[in-house]
Amino acid sequence: MTKEPGVIDKAIQATSIKTGKYLTFTLEEEEYGIGILKVKEIIGMMPVTSVPRTPDFVKGVINLRGKVIPVIDLRLKFTMGEIPYTDRTCIIVVEIESDASTVLIGIVVDAVSEVLNVRGEDIEETPTFGTKLDTGYILGMAKMEGGVKILLDIDKVLSQEEVTQLEKVS
């Protein structure tokens, strides 16, 4: 039994889209990666002005060179326990796509690791964990020496409603 060429072409295209450079970071003991083209800059922790009536994972806003940028704590978004920030905690400023435009947001992570070049053959599809778990924000699993890195589709980590809410905050 052979697969249709269209199915194979789509699989190759999906893998090639995921191939590239990723900024890796840690949350708890896990390693994650975001496509480097989505990353605008990495900054150390700075004072965050809280905004009332926002979800718990929204830490507030920062003033970055005259621009107000909303900041989310990725640990809280992923329902991990909150921990005190350390000298390795930092904010990764990323550009995400919304319905109307692109939005800059800051994501708080435990520590930034490195920039990795991930090849297509090192990427596995996201495992299915059952129908109740939404994994649409995971691009795939990068098999690297020493373990697995979870590659995030940063455009899908937040729902469209959450992105709209953050646009209003900033």
C-alpha atoms as a PDB file:
ATOM      1  CA  MET A   1       0.000   0.000   0.000  1.00  0.00           C
ATOM      2  CA  THR A   2       1.520   3.336  -1.043  1.00  0.00           C
ATOM      3  CA  LYS A   3       0.713   6.780   0.212  1.00  0.00           C
ATOM      4  CA  GLU A   4      -0.544   9.400  -2.173  1.00  0.00           C
ATOM      5  CA  PRO A   5       2.108  11.917  -3.262  1.00  0.00           C
ATOM      6  CA  GLY A   6       0.016  14.810  -1.894  1.00  0.00           C
ATOM      7  CA  VAL A   7       0.056  13.339   1.616  1.00  0.00           C
ATOM      8  CA  ILE A   8       3.828  12.898   1.543  1.00  0.00           C
ATOM      9  CA  ASP A   9       4.340  16.400   0.117  1.00  0.00           C
ATOM     10  CA  LYS A  10       2.248  17.901   2.952  1.00  0.00           C
ATOM     11  CA  ALA A  11       4.257  15.984   5.566  1.00  0.00           C
ATOM     12  CA  ILE A  12       7.554  17.190   4.050  1.00  0.00           C
ATOM     13  CA  GLN A  13       6.245  20.753   3.844  1.00  0.00           C
ATOM     14  CA  ALA A  14       5.059  20.676   7.481  1.00  0.00           C
ATOM     15  CA  THR A  15       8.475  19.448   8.625  1.00  0.00           C
ATOM     16  CA  SER A  16      10.366  22.019   6.559  1.00  0.00           C
ATOM     17  CA  ILE A  17       8.272  24.820   8.058  1.00  0.00           C
ATOM     18  CA  LYS A  18       9.408  23.683  11.518  1.00  0.00           C
ATOM     19  CA  THR A  19      13.081  23.419  10.524  1.00  0.00           C
ATOM     20  CA  GLY A  20      15.198  26.351  11.626  1.00  0.00           C
ATOM     21  CA  LYS A  21      16.630  28.250  14.560  1.00  0.00           C
ATOM     22  CA  TYR A  22      14.863  28.228  17.921  1.00  0.00           C
ATOM     23  CA  LEU A  23      15.516  30.203  21.072  1.00  0.00           C
ATOM     24  CA  THR A  24      15.345  27.657  23.879  1.00  0.00           C
ATOM     25  CA  PHE A  25      14.353  28.380  27.464  1.00  0.00           C
ATOM     26  CA  THR A  26      13.333  26.530  30.600  1.00  0.00           C
ATOM     27  CA  LEU A  27      10.135  26.398  32.606  1.00  0.00           C
ATOM     28  CA  GLU A  28      10.413  24.171  35.653  1.00  0.00           C
ATOM     29  CA  GLU A  29      12.654  21.334  34.461  1.00  0.00           C
ATOM     30  CA  GLU A  30      11.406  21.330  30.849  1.00  0.00           C
ATOM     31  CA  GLU A  31      13.075  22.861  27.786  1.00  0.00           C
ATOM     32  CA  TYR A  32      10.982  24.794  25.253  1.00  0.00           C
ATOM     33  CA  GLY A  33      11.776  26.506  21.976  1.00  0.00           C
ATOM     34  CA  ILE A  34      10.327  29.457  20.057  1.00  0.00           C
ATOM     35  CA  GLY A  35      11.156  30.176  16.426  1.00  0.00           C
ATOM     36  CA  ILE A  36      13.910  32.797  16.461  1.00  0.00           C
ATOM     37  CA  LEU A  37      12.093  34.935  13.888  1.00  0.00           C
ATOM     38  CA  LYS A  38       9.307  35.519  16.447  1.00  0.00           C
ATOM     39  CA  VAL A  39      11.758  36.780  19.084  1.00  0.00           C
ATOM     40  CA  LYS A  40      12.374  40.525  19.088  1.00  0.00           C
ATOM     41  CA  GLU A  41      14.601  40.741  22.164  1.00  0.00           C
ATOM     42  CA  ILE A  42      15.474  39.266  25.527  1.00  0.00           C
ATOM     43  CA  ILE A  43      15.556  41.493  28.591  1.00  0.00           C
ATOM     44  CA  GLY A  44      16.203  40.927  32.257  1.00  0.00           C
ATOM     45  CA  MET A  45      13.343  41.180  34.707  1.00  0.00           C
ATOM     46  CA  MET A  46      12.219  44.723  35.271  1.00  0.00           C
ATOM     47  CA  PRO A  47       9.375  46.292  37.218  1.00  0.00           C
ATOM     48  CA  VAL A  48       6.009  45.200  35.806  1.00  0.00           C
ATOM     49  CA  THR A  49       2.985  47.430  36.383  1.00  0.00           C
ATOM     50  CA  SER A  50       0.022  45.231  37.219  1.00  0.00           C
ATOM     51  CA  VAL A  51      -3.275  45.829  35.445  1.00  0.00           C
ATOM     52  CA  PRO A  52      -6.477  45.082  37.381  1.00  0.00           C
ATOM     53  CA  ARG A  53      -9.073  42.590  36.153  1.00  0.00           C
ATOM     54  CA  THR A  54      -6.727  40.622  33.902  1.00  0.00           C
ATOM     55  CA  PRO A  55      -6.196  36.843  34.028  1.00  0.00           C
ATOM     56  CA  ASP A  56      -3.730  35.538  36.615  1.00  0.00           C
ATOM     57  CA  PHE A  57      -1.096  34.733  33.991  1.00  0.00           C
ATOM     58  CA  VAL A  58      -1.020  38.393  32.843  1.00  0.00           C
ATOM     59  CA  LYS A  59       1.622  40.007  35.047  1.00  0.00           C
ATOM     60  CA  GLY A  60       0.946  43.521  33.719  1.00  0.00           C
ATOM     61  CA  VAL A  61       2.774  45.879  31.387  1.00  0.00           C
ATOM     62  CA  ILE A  62       6.286  47.226  30.990  1.00  0.00           C
ATOM     63  CA  ASN A  63       7.583  50.397  29.392  1.00  0.00           C
ATOM     64  CA  LEU A  64      10.198  49.300  26.882  1.00  0.00           C
ATOM     65  CA  ARG A  65      11.827  52.339  25.276  1.00  0.00           C
ATOM     66  CA  GLY A  66       8.548  54.276  25.316  1.00  0.00           C
ATOM     67  CA  LYS A  67       6.360  51.398  24.147  1.00  0.00           C
ATOM     68  CA  VAL A  68       3.877  49.742  26.519  1.00  0.00           C
ATOM     69  CA  ILE A  69       4.126  45.957  26.226  1.00  0.00           C
ATOM     70  CA  PRO A  70       1.899  43.447  28.029  1.00  0.00           C
ATOM     71  CA  VAL A  71       3.734  40.725  29.942  1.00  0.00           C
ATOM     72  CA  ILE A  72       2.516  37.196  30.656  1.00  0.00           C
ATOM     73  CA  ASP A  73       4.090  34.580  32.909  1.00  0.00           C
ATOM     74  CA  LEU A  74       4.314  31.425  30.802  1.00  0.00           C
ATOM     75  CA  ARG A  75       4.510  29.260  33.949  1.00  0.00           C
ATOM     76  CA  LEU A  76       1.086  30.511  35.000  1.00  0.00           C
ATOM     77  CA  LYS A  77      -0.345  30.193  31.486  1.00  0.00           C
ATOM     78  CA  PHE A  78       0.753  26.558  31.453  1.00  0.00           C
ATOM     79  CA  THR A  79      -0.685  26.076  34.989  1.00  0.00           C
ATOM     80  CA  MET A  80       2.698  25.431  36.584  1.00  0.00           C
ATOM     81  CA  GLY A  81       3.350  26.637  40.093  1.00  0.00           C
ATOM     82  CA  GLU A  82       4.432  30.226  40.578  1.00  0.00           C
ATOM     83  CA  ILE A  83       7.972  30.658  41.880  1.00  0.00           C
ATOM     84  CA  PRO A  84       9.967  33.709  42.974  1.00  0.00           C
ATOM     85  CA  TYR A  85      11.921  35.319  40.155  1.00  0.00           C
ATOM     86  CA  THR A  86      15.693  34.814  40.170  1.00  0.00           C
ATOM     87  CA  ASP A  87      18.602  36.533  38.470  1.00  0.00           C
ATOM     88  CA  ARG A  88      18.133  34.092  35.548  1.00  0.00           C
ATOM     89  CA  THR A  89      14.431  34.914  35.087  1.00  0.00           C
ATOM     90  CA  CYS A  90      13.923  37.052  32.024  1.00  0.00           C
ATOM     91  CA  ILE A  91      11.359  38.417  29.613  1.00  0.00           C
ATOM     92  CA  ILE A  92      11.390  37.318  25.987  1.00  0.00           C
ATOM     93  CA  VAL A  93       9.674  39.916  23.810  1.00  0.00           C
ATOM     94  CA  VAL A  94       7.912  38.119  20.972  1.00  0.00           C
ATOM     95  CA  GLU A  95       5.773  39.187  18.055  1.00  0.00           C
ATOM     96  CA  ILE A  96       2.519  37.271  17.720  1.00  0.00           C
ATOM     97  CA  GLU A  97      -0.083  37.368  14.990  1.00  0.00           C
ATOM     98  CA  SER A  98      -3.586  38.543  15.841  1.00  0.00           C
ATOM     99  CA  ASP A  99      -6.616  38.767  13.574  1.00  0.00           C
ATOM    100  CA  ALA A 100      -5.873  42.344  12.570  1.00  0.00           C
ATOM    101  CA  SER A 101      -2.152  42.861  13.125  1.00  0.00           C
ATOM    102  CA  THR A 102       0.936  41.765  14.983  1.00  0.00           C
ATOM    103  CA  VAL A 103       1.305  42.353  18.709  1.00  0.00           C
ATOM    104  CA  LEU A 104       4.406  42.555  20.866  1.00  0.00           C
ATOM    105  CA  ILE A 105       4.138  40.732  24.184  1.00  0.00           C
ATOM    106  CA  GLY A 106       6.646  39.813  26.823  1.00  0.00           C
ATOM    107  CA  ILE A 107       6.759  36.282  28.186  1.00  0.00           C
ATOM    108  CA  VAL A 108       8.418  35.571  31.514  1.00  0.00           C
ATOM    109  CA  VAL A 109      10.529  32.398  31.519  1.00  0.00           C
ATOM    110  CA  ASP A 110      12.740  30.794  34.169  1.00  0.00           C
ATOM    111  CA  ALA A 111      15.909  31.067  32.079  1.00  0.00           C
ATOM    112  CA  VAL A 112      16.993  31.424  28.467  1.00  0.00           C
ATOM    113  CA  SER A 113      19.244  28.576  27.339  1.00  0.00           C
ATOM    114  CA  GLU A 114      20.588  28.950  23.791  1.00  0.00           C
ATOM    115  CA  VAL A 115      19.743  29.276  20.117  1.00  0.00           C
ATOM    116  CA  LEU A 116      19.562  25.860  18.459  1.00  0.00           C
ATOM    117  CA  ASN A 117      19.464  24.935  14.806  1.00  0.00           C
ATOM    118  CA  VAL A 118      16.768  22.239  14.617  1.00  0.00           C
ATOM    119  CA  ARG A 119      16.723  19.988  11.555  1.00  0.00           C
ATOM    120  CA  GLY A 120      13.498  18.548  10.186  1.00  0.00           C
ATOM    121  CA  GLU A 121      14.569  14.968  10.829  1.00  0.00           C
ATOM    122  CA  ASP A 122      15.001  15.819  14.537  1.00  0.00           C
ATOM    123  CA  ILE A 123      11.362  16.911  14.898  1.00  0.00           C
ATOM    124  CA  GLU A 124       8.633  14.485  15.890  1.00  0.00           C
ATOM    125  CA  GLU A 125       4.945  15.221  15.671  1.00  0.00           C
ATOM    126  CA  THR A 126       3.189  16.204  18.877  1.00  0.00           C
ATOM    127  CA  PRO A 127       1.982  13.055  20.637  1.00  0.00           C
ATOM    128  CA  THR A 128      -1.737  12.706  21.156  1.00  0.00           C
ATOM    129  CA  PHE A 129      -2.659  12.827  24.807  1.00  0.00           C
ATOM    130  CA  GLY A 130      -6.361  12.236  24.262  1.00  0.00           C
ATOM    131  CA  THR A 131      -9.137  14.441  22.989  1.00  0.00           C
ATOM    132  CA  LYS A 132      -9.481  16.518  26.157  1.00  0.00           C
ATOM    133  CA  LEU A 133      -5.986  18.024  25.965  1.00  0.00           C
ATOM    134  CA  ASP A 134      -5.402  20.885  23.529  1.00  0.00           C
ATOM    135  CA  THR A 135      -1.894  20.702  22.090  1.00  0.00           C
ATOM    136  CA  GLY A 136      -2.476  23.004  19.105  1.00  0.00           C
ATOM    137  CA  TYR A 137       0.155  25.417  20.440  1.00  0.00           C
ATOM    138  CA  ILE A 138       2.904  22.757  20.167  1.00  0.00           C
ATOM    139  CA  LEU A 139       4.694  22.623  16.791  1.00  0.00           C
ATOM    140  CA  GLY A 140       6.487  19.407  17.611  1.00  0.00           C
ATOM    141  CA  MET A 141       9.088  17.704  19.751  1.00  0.00           C
ATOM    142  CA  ALA A 142      12.746  18.278  18.894  1.00  0.00           C
ATOM    143  CA  LYS A 143      14.939  15.290  19.714  1.00  0.00           C
ATOM    144  CA  MET A 144      18.254  16.707  20.825  1.00  0.00           C
ATOM    145  CA  GLU A 145      21.196  15.177  22.635  1.00  0.00           C
ATOM    146  CA  GLY A 146      20.233  15.040  26.260  1.00  0.00           C
ATOM    147  CA  GLY A 147      16.476  15.061  25.797  1.00  0.00           C
ATOM    148  CA  VAL A 148      13.491  16.564  24.077  1.00  0.00           C
ATOM    149  CA  LYS A 149      12.656  20.230  23.530  1.00  0.00           C
ATOM    150  CA  ILE A 150       9.013  21.238  23.154  1.00  0.00           C
ATOM    151  CA  LEU A 151       8.702  23.582  20.165  1.00  0.00           C
ATOM    152  CA  LEU A 152       5.959  26.165  20.691  1.00  0.00           C
ATOM    153  CA  ASP A 153       3.842  27.920  18.093  1.00  0.00           C
ATOM    154  CA  ILE A 154       3.833  31.199  20.005  1.00  0.00           C
ATOM    155  CA  ASP A 155       0.954  32.493  17.852  1.00  0.00           C
ATOM    156  CA  LYS A 156      -1.273  29.761  19.329  1.00  0.00           C
ATOM    157  CA  VAL A 157      -0.207  29.777  22.996  1.00  0.00           C
ATOM    158  CA  LEU A 158      -2.784  32.480  23.648  1.00  0.00           C
ATOM    159  CA  SER A 159      -6.346  32.284  22.364  1.00  0.00           C
ATOM    160  CA  GLN A 160      -7.569  34.995  20.015  1.00  0.00           C
ATOM    161  CA  GLU A 161      -9.707  36.357  22.855  1.00  0.00           C
ATOM    162  CA  GLU A 162      -6.652  36.569  25.138  1.00  0.00           C
ATOM    163  CA  VAL A 163      -4.626  38.351  22.441  1.00  0.00           C
ATOM    164  CA  THR A 164      -7.444  40.870  21.965  1.00  0.00           C
ATOM    165  CA  GLN A 165      -7.521  41.417  25.727  1.00  0.00           C
ATOM    166  CA  LEU A 166      -3.761  42.042  25.755  1.00  0.00           C
ATOM    167  CA  GLU A 167      -4.048  44.492  22.851  1.00  0.00           C
ATOM    168  CA  LYS A 168      -6.511  46.501  24.940  1.00  0.00           C
ATOM    169  CA  VAL A 169      -4.156  46.427  27.939  1.00  0.00           C
ATOM    170  CA  SER A 170      -1.292  47.893  25.918  1.00  0.00           C
END
